[in-house]
Amino acid sequence: MSKWIKKGDRIVVIAGNEKGKTGTVLSRTVDRVLVEGLNMRKKHMKPNQENPKGQILEREASLHISNVSLCNAEGERVKVQVRLTQEKKELVYHEGNKEIILRPLRQR
C-alpha cells in the first residue's frame, strides 16, 4: 500500500518506463515520490556568471505513488500489514511461513 511508503524505504516500480527497477525513496509528497537514480530527466540551465556556457543537468523526476510498491531486500514486491503488540506497532510482510519485520511504526 502506498500510504506506508516513506523516505529511506526501498521500492520497486510497478508501472511505467522504469517498471521493474528498484531504488531508495529520497523524498515524498502527498501523491508523488522521488526515487534515487530513477526517472532521470535533463534540465537545461541558462548561462550565468558562474557557468558562462550554461549546462545540462540530469536529475531525478518524481513518480506517482500508485506506480511504486514496497519491496524486500531482493527487490521483489511485498504486501505489508500492521502488526500490533502491547507496546509497539510494526510493519511486516510474510515470506513463506515467516513473518519479517520491515520497520517499526510510531509508538502508541
PDB file of N, CA and C in Angstrom:
ATOM      1  N   MET A   1       0.828  -1.175   0.000  1.00  0.00           N
ATOM      2  CA  MET A   1       0.000   0.000   0.000  1.00  0.00           C
ATOM      3  C   MET A   1       0.874   1.240   0.000  1.00  0.00           C
ATOM      4  N   SER A   2       0.448   2.213  -0.709  1.00  0.00           N
ATOM      5  CA  SER A   2       1.266   3.402  -0.883  1.00  0.00           C
ATOM      6  C   SER A   2       1.318   4.284   0.358  1.00  0.00           C
ATOM      7  N   LYS A   3       0.350   4.169   1.247  1.00  0.00           N
ATOM      8  CA  LYS A   3       0.374   5.062   2.401  1.00  0.00           C
ATOM      9  C   LYS A   3       1.502   4.724   3.369  1.00  0.00           C
ATOM     10  N   TRP A   4       2.123   3.567   3.251  1.00  0.00           N
ATOM     11  CA  TRP A   4       3.213   3.166   4.134  1.00  0.00           C
ATOM     12  C   TRP A   4       4.575   3.561   3.602  1.00  0.00           C
ATOM     13  N   ILE A   5       4.665   4.065   2.388  1.00  0.00           N
ATOM     14  CA  ILE A   5       5.953   4.435   1.810  1.00  0.00           C
ATOM     15  C   ILE A   5       6.428   5.745   2.419  1.00  0.00           C
ATOM     16  N   LYS A   6       7.702   5.770   2.839  1.00  0.00           N
ATOM     17  CA  LYS A   6       8.268   6.998   3.379  1.00  0.00           C
ATOM     18  C   LYS A   6       9.740   7.100   2.983  1.00  0.00           C
ATOM     19  N   LYS A   7      10.369   8.213   3.303  1.00  0.00           N
ATOM     20  CA  LYS A   7      11.753   8.482   2.940  1.00  0.00           C
ATOM     21  C   LYS A   7      12.668   7.382   3.486  1.00  0.00           C
ATOM     22  N   GLY A   8      13.569   6.889   2.627  1.00  0.00           N
ATOM     23  CA  GLY A   8      14.514   5.860   3.035  1.00  0.00           C
ATOM     24  C   GLY A   8      14.083   4.441   2.719  1.00  0.00           C
ATOM     25  N   ASP A   9      12.827   4.224   2.341  1.00  0.00           N
ATOM     26  CA  ASP A   9      12.333   2.882   2.012  1.00  0.00           C
ATOM     27  C   ASP A   9      12.845   2.432   0.652  1.00  0.00           C
ATOM     28  N   ARG A  10      13.014   1.105   0.499  1.00  0.00           N
ATOM     29  CA  ARG A  10      13.339   0.535  -0.809  1.00  0.00           C
ATOM     30  C   ARG A  10      12.026   0.237  -1.513  1.00  0.00           C
ATOM     31  N   ILE A  11      11.935   0.664  -2.770  1.00  0.00           N
ATOM     32  CA  ILE A  11      10.705   0.450  -3.528  1.00  0.00           C
ATOM     33  C   ILE A  11      11.039  -0.177  -4.872  1.00  0.00           C
ATOM     34  N   VAL A  12      10.012  -0.741  -5.514  1.00  0.00           N
ATOM     35  CA  VAL A  12      10.113  -1.259  -6.871  1.00  0.00           C
ATOM     36  C   VAL A  12       9.039  -0.553  -7.694  1.00  0.00           C
ATOM     37  N   VAL A  13       9.389  -0.178  -8.919  1.00  0.00           N
ATOM     38  CA  VAL A  13       8.429   0.490  -9.800  1.00  0.00           C
ATOM     39  C   VAL A  13       7.586  -0.589 -10.457  1.00  0.00           C
ATOM     40  N   ILE A  14       6.256  -0.434 -10.411  1.00  0.00           N
ATOM     41  CA  ILE A  14       5.355  -1.466 -10.931  1.00  0.00           C
ATOM     42  C   ILE A  14       4.657  -1.059 -12.219  1.00  0.00           C
ATOM     43  N   ALA A  15       4.849   0.196 -12.673  1.00  0.00           N
ATOM     44  CA  ALA A  15       4.220   0.647 -13.911  1.00  0.00           C
ATOM     45  C   ALA A  15       5.038   1.782 -14.509  1.00  0.00           C
ATOM     46  N   GLY A  16       5.002   1.896 -15.823  1.00  0.00           N
ATOM     47  CA  GLY A  16       5.687   2.995 -16.497  1.00  0.00           C
ATOM     48  C   GLY A  16       6.992   2.568 -17.143  1.00  0.00           C
ATOM     49  N   ASN A  17       7.768   3.553 -17.606  1.00  0.00           N
ATOM     50  CA  ASN A  17       9.016   3.290 -18.311  1.00  0.00           C
ATOM     51  C   ASN A  17      10.070   2.610 -17.445  1.00  0.00           C
ATOM     52  N   GLU A  18      10.046   2.836 -16.161  1.00  0.00           N
ATOM     53  CA  GLU A  18      11.041   2.296 -15.235  1.00  0.00           C
ATOM     54  C   GLU A  18      10.578   1.005 -14.564  1.00  0.00           C
ATOM     55  N   LYS A  19       9.568   0.354 -15.111  1.00  0.00           N
ATOM     56  CA  LYS A  19       8.963  -0.830 -14.499  1.00  0.00           C
ATOM     57  C   LYS A  19      10.022  -1.897 -14.188  1.00  0.00           C
ATOM     58  N   GLY A  20       9.970  -2.420 -12.966  1.00  0.00           N
ATOM     59  CA  GLY A  20      10.877  -3.481 -12.544  1.00  0.00           C
ATOM     60  C   GLY A  20      12.142  -2.993 -11.861  1.00  0.00           C
ATOM     61  N   LYS A  21      12.447  -1.711 -11.935  1.00  0.00           N
ATOM     62  CA  LYS A  21      13.657  -1.170 -11.321  1.00  0.00           C
ATOM     63  C   LYS A  21      13.387  -0.836  -9.865  1.00  0.00           C
ATOM     64  N   THR A  22      14.444  -0.935  -9.045  1.00  0.00           N
ATOM     65  CA  THR A  22      14.317  -0.646  -7.626  1.00  0.00           C
ATOM     66  C   THR A  22      15.185   0.546  -7.253  1.00  0.00           C
ATOM     67  N   GLY A  23      14.850   1.175  -6.145  1.00  0.00           N
ATOM     68  CA  GLY A  23      15.612   2.313  -5.660  1.00  0.00           C
ATOM     69  C   GLY A  23      15.162   2.711  -4.273  1.00  0.00           C
ATOM     70  N   THR A  24      15.813   3.749  -3.748  1.00  0.00           N
ATOM     71  CA  THR A  24      15.510   4.257  -2.416  1.00  0.00           C
ATOM     72  C   THR A  24      14.781   5.582  -2.529  1.00  0.00           C
ATOM     73  N   VAL A  25      13.767   5.766  -1.722  1.00  0.00           N
ATOM     74  CA  VAL A  25      12.974   6.989  -1.746  1.00  0.00           C
ATOM     75  C   VAL A  25      13.791   8.129  -1.131  1.00  0.00           C
ATOM     76  N   LEU A  26      13.961   9.220  -1.906  1.00  0.00           N
ATOM     77  CA  LEU A  26      14.668  10.403  -1.419  1.00  0.00           C
ATOM     78  C   LEU A  26      13.726  11.369  -0.718  1.00  0.00           C
ATOM     79  N   SER A  27      12.522  11.519  -1.265  1.00  0.00           N
ATOM     80  CA  SER A  27      11.524  12.385  -0.630  1.00  0.00           C
ATOM     81  C   SER A  27      10.133  11.953  -1.079  1.00  0.00           C
ATOM     82  N   ARG A  28       9.140  12.435  -0.329  1.00  0.00           N
ATOM     83  CA  ARG A  28       7.761  12.081  -0.649  1.00  0.00           C
ATOM     84  C   ARG A  28       6.857  13.269  -0.374  1.00  0.00           C
ATOM     85  N   THR A  29       5.932  13.509  -1.298  1.00  0.00           N
ATOM     86  CA  THR A  29       4.854  14.454  -1.048  1.00  0.00           C
ATOM     87  C   THR A  29       3.593  13.619  -0.879  1.00  0.00           C
ATOM     88  N   VAL A  30       2.436  14.235  -0.932  1.00  0.00           N
ATOM     89  CA  VAL A  30       1.187  13.507  -0.702  1.00  0.00           C
ATOM     90  C   VAL A  30       1.008  12.383  -1.719  1.00  0.00           C
ATOM     91  N   ASP A  31       1.237  12.659  -3.005  1.00  0.00           N
ATOM     92  CA  ASP A  31       0.966  11.646  -4.022  1.00  0.00           C
ATOM     93  C   ASP A  31       2.141  11.362  -4.953  1.00  0.00           C
ATOM     94  N   ARG A  32       3.340  11.869  -4.656  1.00  0.00           N
ATOM     95  CA  ARG A  32       4.498  11.634  -5.524  1.00  0.00           C
ATOM     96  C   ARG A  32       5.720  11.280  -4.692  1.00  0.00           C
ATOM     97  N   VAL A  33       6.610  10.457  -5.266  1.00  0.00           N
ATOM     98  CA  VAL A  33       7.866  10.101  -4.601  1.00  0.00           C
ATOM     99  C   VAL A  33       9.030  10.375  -5.541  1.00  0.00           C
ATOM    100  N   LEU A  34      10.159  10.759  -4.968  1.00  0.00           N
ATOM    101  CA  LEU A  34      11.390  10.976  -5.710  1.00  0.00           C
ATOM    102  C   LEU A  34      12.301   9.816  -5.369  1.00  0.00           C
ATOM    103  N   VAL A  35      12.719   9.040  -6.384  1.00  0.00           N
ATOM    104  CA  VAL A  35      13.476   7.822  -6.152  1.00  0.00           C
ATOM    105  C   VAL A  35      14.887   7.996  -6.707  1.00  0.00           C
ATOM    106  N   GLU A  36      15.874   7.608  -5.915  1.00  0.00           N
ATOM    107  CA  GLU A  36      17.277   7.764  -6.273  1.00  0.00           C
ATOM    108  C   GLU A  36      17.617   6.978  -7.545  1.00  0.00           C
ATOM    109  N   GLY A  37      18.101   7.685  -8.568  1.00  0.00           N
ATOM    110  CA  GLY A  37      18.575   7.056  -9.801  1.00  0.00           C
ATOM    111  C   GLY A  37      17.502   6.620 -10.779  1.00  0.00           C
ATOM    112  N   LEU A  38      16.233   6.913 -10.512  1.00  0.00           N
ATOM    113  CA  LEU A  38      15.157   6.507 -11.417  1.00  0.00           C
ATOM    114  C   LEU A  38      14.464   7.729 -12.002  1.00  0.00           C
ATOM    115  N   ASN A  39      13.876   7.554 -13.187  1.00  0.00           N
ATOM    116  CA  ASN A  39      13.109   8.585 -13.873  1.00  0.00           C
ATOM    117  C   ASN A  39      13.958   9.842 -14.104  1.00  0.00           C
ATOM    118  N   MET A  40      15.164   9.651 -14.659  1.00  0.00           N
ATOM    119  CA  MET A  40      16.103  10.749 -14.880  1.00  0.00           C
ATOM    120  C   MET A  40      15.625  11.639 -16.027  1.00  0.00           C
ATOM    121  N   ARG A  41      15.702  12.947 -15.829  1.00  0.00           N
ATOM    122  CA  ARG A  41      15.326  13.942 -16.824  1.00  0.00           C
ATOM    123  C   ARG A  41      16.444  14.961 -16.958  1.00  0.00           C
ATOM    124  N   LYS A  42      16.538  15.578 -18.138  1.00  0.00           N
ATOM    125  CA  LYS A  42      17.555  16.604 -18.370  1.00  0.00           C
ATOM    126  C   LYS A  42      16.956  17.983 -18.160  1.00  0.00           C
ATOM    127  N   LYS A  43      17.709  18.844 -17.471  1.00  0.00           N
ATOM    128  CA  LYS A  43      17.278  20.220 -17.228  1.00  0.00           C
ATOM    129  C   LYS A  43      18.332  21.146 -17.825  1.00  0.00           C
ATOM    130  N   HIS A  44      17.906  22.012 -18.728  1.00  0.00           N
ATOM    131  CA  HIS A  44      18.812  22.948 -19.382  1.00  0.00           C
ATOM    132  C   HIS A  44      18.905  24.221 -18.553  1.00  0.00           C
ATOM    133  N   MET A  45      20.136  24.591 -18.180  1.00  0.00           N
ATOM    134  CA  MET A  45      20.360  25.771 -17.353  1.00  0.00           C
ATOM    135  C   MET A  45      20.895  26.908 -18.224  1.00  0.00           C
ATOM    136  N   LYS A  46      20.396  28.111 -17.999  1.00  0.00           N
ATOM    137  CA  LYS A  46      20.857  29.291 -18.729  1.00  0.00           C
ATOM    138  C   LYS A  46      22.286  29.632 -18.339  1.00  0.00           C
ATOM    139  N   PRO A  47      23.009  30.314 -19.224  1.00  0.00           N
ATOM    140  CA  PRO A  47      24.338  30.795 -18.833  1.00  0.00           C
ATOM    141  C   PRO A  47      24.216  31.825 -17.705  1.00  0.00           C
ATOM    142  N   ASN A  48      25.182  31.802 -16.795  1.00  0.00           N
ATOM    143  CA  ASN A  48      25.248  32.788 -15.727  1.00  0.00           C
ATOM    144  C   ASN A  48      26.719  33.086 -15.424  1.00  0.00           C
ATOM    145  N   GLN A  49      27.015  33.902 -14.421  1.00  0.00           N
ATOM    146  CA  GLN A  49      28.396  34.278 -14.139  1.00  0.00           C
ATOM    147  C   GLN A  49      29.238  33.086 -13.722  1.00  0.00           C
ATOM    148  N   GLU A  50      28.676  32.190 -12.961  1.00  0.00           N
ATOM    149  CA  GLU A  50      29.431  31.017 -12.516  1.00  0.00           C
ATOM    150  C   GLU A  50      29.662  30.024 -13.651  1.00  0.00           C
ATOM    151  N   ASN A  51      28.723  29.935 -14.562  1.00  0.00           N
ATOM    152  CA  ASN A  51      28.797  28.987 -15.664  1.00  0.00           C
ATOM    153  C   ASN A  51      28.433  29.718 -16.954  1.00  0.00           C
ATOM    154  N   PRO A  52      29.413  30.399 -17.593  1.00  0.00           N
ATOM    155  CA  PRO A  52      29.102  31.251 -18.738  1.00  0.00           C
ATOM    156  C   PRO A  52      28.567  30.508 -19.968  1.00  0.00           C
ATOM    157  N   LYS A  53      28.833  29.222 -20.094  1.00  0.00           N
ATOM    158  CA  LYS A  53      28.343  28.485 -21.253  1.00  0.00           C
ATOM    159  C   LYS A  53      26.992  27.827 -21.002  1.00  0.00           C
ATOM    160  N   GLY A  54      26.534  27.858 -19.760  1.00  0.00           N
ATOM    161  CA  GLY A  54      25.308  27.139 -19.430  1.00  0.00           C
ATOM    162  C   GLY A  54      25.624  25.667 -19.248  1.00  0.00           C
ATOM    163  N   GLN A  55      24.636  24.884 -18.938  1.00  0.00           N
ATOM    164  CA  GLN A  55      24.879  23.449 -18.760  1.00  0.00           C
ATOM    165  C   GLN A  55      23.579  22.663 -18.848  1.00  0.00           C
ATOM    166  N   ILE A  56      23.740  21.358 -18.964  1.00  0.00           N
ATOM    167  CA  ILE A  56      22.598  20.446 -18.965  1.00  0.00           C
ATOM    168  C   ILE A  56      22.764  19.529 -17.759  1.00  0.00           C
ATOM    169  N   LEU A  57      21.849  19.642 -16.814  1.00  0.00           N
ATOM    170  CA  LEU A  57      21.877  18.806 -15.620  1.00  0.00           C
ATOM    171  C   LEU A  57      20.959  17.618 -15.806  1.00  0.00           C
ATOM    172  N   GLU A  58      21.342  16.483 -15.240  1.00  0.00           N
ATOM    173  CA  GLU A  58      20.479  15.304 -15.271  1.00  0.00           C
ATOM    174  C   GLU A  58      20.040  15.039 -13.836  1.00  0.00           C
ATOM    175  N   ARG A  59      18.729  15.055 -13.595  1.00  0.00           N
ATOM    176  CA  ARG A  59      18.216  14.884 -12.253  1.00  0.00           C
ATOM    177  C   ARG A  59      16.989  13.986 -12.244  1.00  0.00           C
ATOM    178  N   GLU A  60      16.664  13.498 -11.049  1.00  0.00           N
ATOM    179  CA  GLU A  60      15.504  12.614 -10.895  1.00  0.00           C
ATOM    180  C   GLU A  60      14.212  13.423 -10.953  1.00  0.00           C
ATOM    181  N   ALA A  61      13.223  12.863 -11.617  1.00  0.00           N
ATOM    182  CA  ALA A  61      11.880  13.440 -11.618  1.00  0.00           C
ATOM    183  C   ALA A  61      11.010  12.531 -10.742  1.00  0.00           C
ATOM    184  N   SER A  62       9.925  13.074 -10.234  1.00  0.00           N
ATOM    185  CA  SER A  62       9.087  12.303  -9.318  1.00  0.00           C
ATOM    186  C   SER A  62       8.218  11.296 -10.057  1.00  0.00           C
ATOM    187  N   LEU A  63       7.835  10.265  -9.337  1.00  0.00           N
ATOM    188  CA  LEU A  63       6.921   9.231  -9.835  1.00  0.00           C
ATOM    189  C   LEU A  63       5.645   9.300  -9.011  1.00  0.00           C
ATOM    190  N   HIS A  64       4.523   8.969  -9.628  1.00  0.00           N
ATOM    191  CA  HIS A  64       3.283   8.929  -8.870  1.00  0.00           C
ATOM    192  C   HIS A  64       3.337   7.737  -7.921  1.00  0.00           C
ATOM    193  N   ILE A  65       2.811   7.928  -6.732  1.00  0.00           N
ATOM    194  CA  ILE A  65       2.925   6.909  -5.688  1.00  0.00           C
ATOM    195  C   ILE A  65       2.188   5.622  -6.032  1.00  0.00           C
ATOM    196  N   SER A  66       1.196   5.679  -6.928  1.00  0.00           N
ATOM    197  CA  SER A  66       0.473   4.467  -7.316  1.00  0.00           C
ATOM    198  C   SER A  66       1.313   3.577  -8.226  1.00  0.00           C
ATOM    199  N   ASN A  67       2.413   4.093  -8.755  1.00  0.00           N
ATOM    200  CA  ASN A  67       3.270   3.321  -9.655  1.00  0.00           C
ATOM    201  C   ASN A  67       4.439   2.653  -8.945  1.00  0.00           C
ATOM    202  N   VAL A  68       4.489   2.743  -7.614  1.00  0.00           N
ATOM    203  CA  VAL A  68       5.572   2.112  -6.859  1.00  0.00           C
ATOM    204  C   VAL A  68       5.000   1.255  -5.747  1.00  0.00           C
ATOM    205  N   SER A  69       5.815   0.307  -5.266  1.00  0.00           N
ATOM    206  CA  SER A  69       5.401  -0.580  -4.190  1.00  0.00           C
ATOM    207  C   SER A  69       6.619  -0.887  -3.328  1.00  0.00           C
ATOM    208  N   LEU A  70       6.394  -1.187  -2.058  1.00  0.00           N
ATOM    209  CA  LEU A  70       7.492  -1.584  -1.179  1.00  0.00           C
ATOM    210  C   LEU A  70       8.058  -2.913  -1.637  1.00  0.00           C
ATOM    211  N   CYS A  71       9.359  -3.122  -1.400  1.00  0.00           N
ATOM    212  CA  CYS A  71       9.977  -4.382  -1.813  1.00  0.00           C
ATOM    213  C   CYS A  71      10.895  -4.893  -0.708  1.00  0.00           C
ATOM    214  N   ASN A  72      11.259  -6.172  -0.814  1.00  0.00           N
ATOM    215  CA  ASN A  72      12.177  -6.765   0.158  1.00  0.00           C
ATOM    216  C   ASN A  72      13.614  -6.553  -0.317  1.00  0.00           C
ATOM    217  N   ALA A  73      14.571  -7.182   0.335  1.00  0.00           N
ATOM    218  CA  ALA A  73      15.992  -6.988   0.018  1.00  0.00           C
ATOM    219  C   ALA A  73      16.349  -7.472  -1.385  1.00  0.00           C
ATOM    220  N   GLU A  74      15.634  -8.461  -1.906  1.00  0.00           N
ATOM    221  CA  GLU A  74      15.912  -8.989  -3.242  1.00  0.00           C
ATOM    222  C   GLU A  74      15.250  -8.176  -4.341  1.00  0.00           C
ATOM    223  N   GLY A  75      14.437  -7.198  -3.982  1.00  0.00           N
ATOM    224  CA  GLY A  75      13.763  -6.369  -4.968  1.00  0.00           C
ATOM    225  C   GLY A  75      12.420  -6.910  -5.415  1.00  0.00           C
ATOM    226  N   GLU A  76      11.868  -7.857  -4.671  1.00  0.00           N
ATOM    227  CA  GLU A  76      10.566  -8.420  -5.004  1.00  0.00           C
ATOM    228  C   GLU A  76       9.478  -7.648  -4.270  1.00  0.00           C
ATOM    229  N   ARG A  77       8.390  -7.400  -4.952  1.00  0.00           N
ATOM    230  CA  ARG A  77       7.261  -6.671  -4.394  1.00  0.00           C
ATOM    231  C   ARG A  77       6.656  -7.447  -3.217  1.00  0.00           C
ATOM    232  N   VAL A  78       6.321  -6.731  -2.142  1.00  0.00           N
ATOM    233  CA  VAL A  78       5.731  -7.383  -0.970  1.00  0.00           C
ATOM    234  C   VAL A  78       4.455  -6.673  -0.558  1.00  0.00           C
ATOM    235  N   LYS A  79       3.549  -7.439   0.039  1.00  0.00           N
ATOM    236  CA  LYS A  79       2.337  -6.875   0.629  1.00  0.00           C
ATOM    237  C   LYS A  79       2.605  -6.743   2.118  1.00  0.00           C
ATOM    238  N   VAL A  80       2.342  -5.572   2.650  1.00  0.00           N
ATOM    239  CA  VAL A  80       2.634  -5.319   4.056  1.00  0.00           C
ATOM    240  C   VAL A  80       1.357  -5.218   4.863  1.00  0.00           C
ATOM    241  N   GLN A  81       1.493  -5.463   6.166  1.00  0.00           N
ATOM    242  CA  GLN A  81       0.384  -5.284   7.078  1.00  0.00           C
ATOM    243  C   GLN A  81       0.939  -4.805   8.414  1.00  0.00           C
ATOM    244  N   VAL A  82       0.085  -4.223   9.213  1.00  0.00           N
ATOM    245  CA  VAL A  82       0.485  -3.704  10.515  1.00  0.00           C
ATOM    246  C   VAL A  82       0.222  -4.761  11.565  1.00  0.00           C
ATOM    247  N   ARG A  83       1.246  -5.036  12.375  1.00  0.00           N
ATOM    248  CA  ARG A  83       1.095  -5.969  13.496  1.00  0.00           C
ATOM    249  C   ARG A  83       1.134  -5.149  14.781  1.00  0.00           C
ATOM    250  N   LEU A  84       0.130  -5.309  15.602  1.00  0.00           N
ATOM    251  CA  LEU A  84       0.030  -4.575  16.858  1.00  0.00           C
ATOM    252  C   LEU A  84       0.417  -5.477  18.013  1.00  0.00           C
ATOM    253  N   THR A  85       1.256  -4.951  18.908  1.00  0.00           N
ATOM    254  CA  THR A  85       1.543  -5.627  20.169  1.00  0.00           C
ATOM    255  C   THR A  85       1.176  -4.651  21.282  1.00  0.00           C
ATOM    256  N   GLN A  86       1.402  -5.037  22.518  1.00  0.00           N
ATOM    257  CA  GLN A  86       1.029  -4.170  23.640  1.00  0.00           C
ATOM    258  C   GLN A  86       1.771  -2.840  23.610  1.00  0.00           C
ATOM    259  N   GLU A  87       3.061  -2.862  23.246  1.00  0.00           N
ATOM    260  CA  GLU A  87       3.861  -1.643  23.341  1.00  0.00           C
ATOM    261  C   GLU A  87       4.258  -1.022  22.011  1.00  0.00           C
ATOM    262  N   LYS A  88       4.055  -1.704  20.882  1.00  0.00           N
ATOM    263  CA  LYS A  88       4.501  -1.125  19.609  1.00  0.00           C
ATOM    264  C   LYS A  88       3.690  -1.609  18.414  1.00  0.00           C
ATOM    265  N   LYS A  89       3.856  -0.876  17.302  1.00  0.00           N
ATOM    266  CA  LYS A  89       3.267  -1.231  16.017  1.00  0.00           C
ATOM    267  C   LYS A  89       4.426  -1.505  15.062  1.00  0.00           C
ATOM    268  N   GLU A  90       4.295  -2.537  14.239  1.00  0.00           N
ATOM    269  CA  GLU A  90       5.338  -2.875  13.278  1.00  0.00           C
ATOM    270  C   GLU A  90       4.728  -3.122  11.916  1.00  0.00           C
ATOM    271  N   LEU A  91       5.468  -2.769  10.878  1.00  0.00           N
ATOM    272  CA  LEU A  91       5.074  -3.042   9.505  1.00  0.00           C
ATOM    273  C   LEU A  91       5.748  -4.353   9.111  1.00  0.00           C
ATOM    274  N   VAL A  92       4.978  -5.379   8.772  1.00  0.00           N
ATOM    275  CA  VAL A  92       5.532  -6.706   8.490  1.00  0.00           C
ATOM    276  C   VAL A  92       5.029  -7.223   7.143  1.00  0.00           C
ATOM    277  N   TYR A  93       5.774  -8.181   6.594  1.00  0.00           N
ATOM    278  CA  TYR A  93       5.330  -8.914   5.415  1.00  0.00           C
ATOM    279  C   TYR A  93       5.653 -10.385   5.619  1.00  0.00           C
ATOM    280  N   HIS A  94       4.958 -11.229   4.878  1.00  0.00           N
ATOM    281  CA  HIS A  94       5.118 -12.671   5.025  1.00  0.00           C
ATOM    282  C   HIS A  94       5.929 -13.235   3.872  1.00  0.00           C
ATOM    283  N   GLU A  95       6.872 -14.109   4.206  1.00  0.00           N
ATOM    284  CA  GLU A  95       7.673 -14.806   3.208  1.00  0.00           C
ATOM    285  C   GLU A  95       7.639 -16.281   3.584  1.00  0.00           C
ATOM    286  N   GLY A  96       6.828 -17.029   2.867  1.00  0.00           N
ATOM    287  CA  GLY A  96       6.608 -18.417   3.253  1.00  0.00           C
ATOM    288  C   GLY A  96       5.832 -18.452   4.557  1.00  0.00           C
ATOM    289  N   ASN A  97       6.360 -19.183   5.545  1.00  0.00           N
ATOM    290  CA  ASN A  97       5.723 -19.237   6.864  1.00  0.00           C
ATOM    291  C   ASN A  97       6.281 -18.189   7.819  1.00  0.00           C
ATOM    292  N   LYS A  98       7.325 -17.467   7.385  1.00  0.00           N
ATOM    293  CA  LYS A  98       7.974 -16.490   8.264  1.00  0.00           C
ATOM    294  C   LYS A  98       7.313 -15.124   8.145  1.00  0.00           C
ATOM    295  N   GLU A  99       7.285 -14.424   9.253  1.00  0.00           N
ATOM    296  CA  GLU A  99       6.802 -13.046   9.285  1.00  0.00           C
ATOM    297  C   GLU A  99       8.028 -12.153   9.474  1.00  0.00           C
ATOM    298  N   ILE A 100       8.311 -11.301   8.509  1.00  0.00           N
ATOM    299  CA  ILE A 100       9.511 -10.477   8.533  1.00  0.00           C
ATOM    300  C   ILE A 100       9.131  -9.028   8.797  1.00  0.00           C
ATOM    301  N   ILE A 101       9.842  -8.413   9.745  1.00  0.00           N
ATOM    302  CA  ILE A 101       9.567  -7.024  10.115  1.00  0.00           C
ATOM    303  C   ILE A 101      10.264  -6.105   9.124  1.00  0.00           C
ATOM    304  N   LEU A 102       9.480  -5.259   8.466  1.00  0.00           N
ATOM    305  CA  LEU A 102      10.036  -4.283   7.538  1.00  0.00           C
ATOM    306  C   LEU A 102      10.600  -3.101   8.311  1.00  0.00           C
ATOM    307  N   ARG A 103       9.816  -2.549   9.217  1.00  0.00           N
ATOM    308  CA  ARG A 103      10.278  -1.461  10.093  1.00  0.00           C
ATOM    309  C   ARG A 103       9.239  -1.225  11.186  1.00  0.00           C
ATOM    310  N   PRO A 104       9.678  -0.667  12.307  1.00  0.00           N
ATOM    311  CA  PRO A 104       8.710  -0.298  13.344  1.00  0.00           C
ATOM    312  C   PRO A 104       7.969   0.963  12.947  1.00  0.00           C
ATOM    313  N   LEU A 105       6.736   1.087  13.406  1.00  0.00           N
ATOM    314  CA  LEU A 105       5.947   2.294  13.182  1.00  0.00           C
ATOM    315  C   LEU A 105       5.954   3.140  14.447  1.00  0.00           C
ATOM    316  N   ARG A 106       5.254   4.246  14.414  1.00  0.00           N
ATOM    317  CA  ARG A 106       5.176   5.124  15.584  1.00  0.00           C
ATOM    318  C   ARG A 106       4.699   4.363  16.807  1.00  0.00           C
ATOM    319  N   GLN A 107       5.230   4.774  17.947  1.00  0.00           N
ATOM    320  CA  GLN A 107       4.792   4.152  19.197  1.00  0.00           C
ATOM    321  C   GLN A 107       3.368   4.563  19.522  1.00  0.00           C
ATOM    322  N   ARG A 108       2.642   3.740  20.204  1.00  0.00           N
ATOM    323  CA  ARG A 108       1.258   4.030  20.581  1.00  0.00           C
ATOM    324  C   ARG A 108       1.188   5.055  21.675  1.00  0.00           C
TER     325      ARG A 108
END
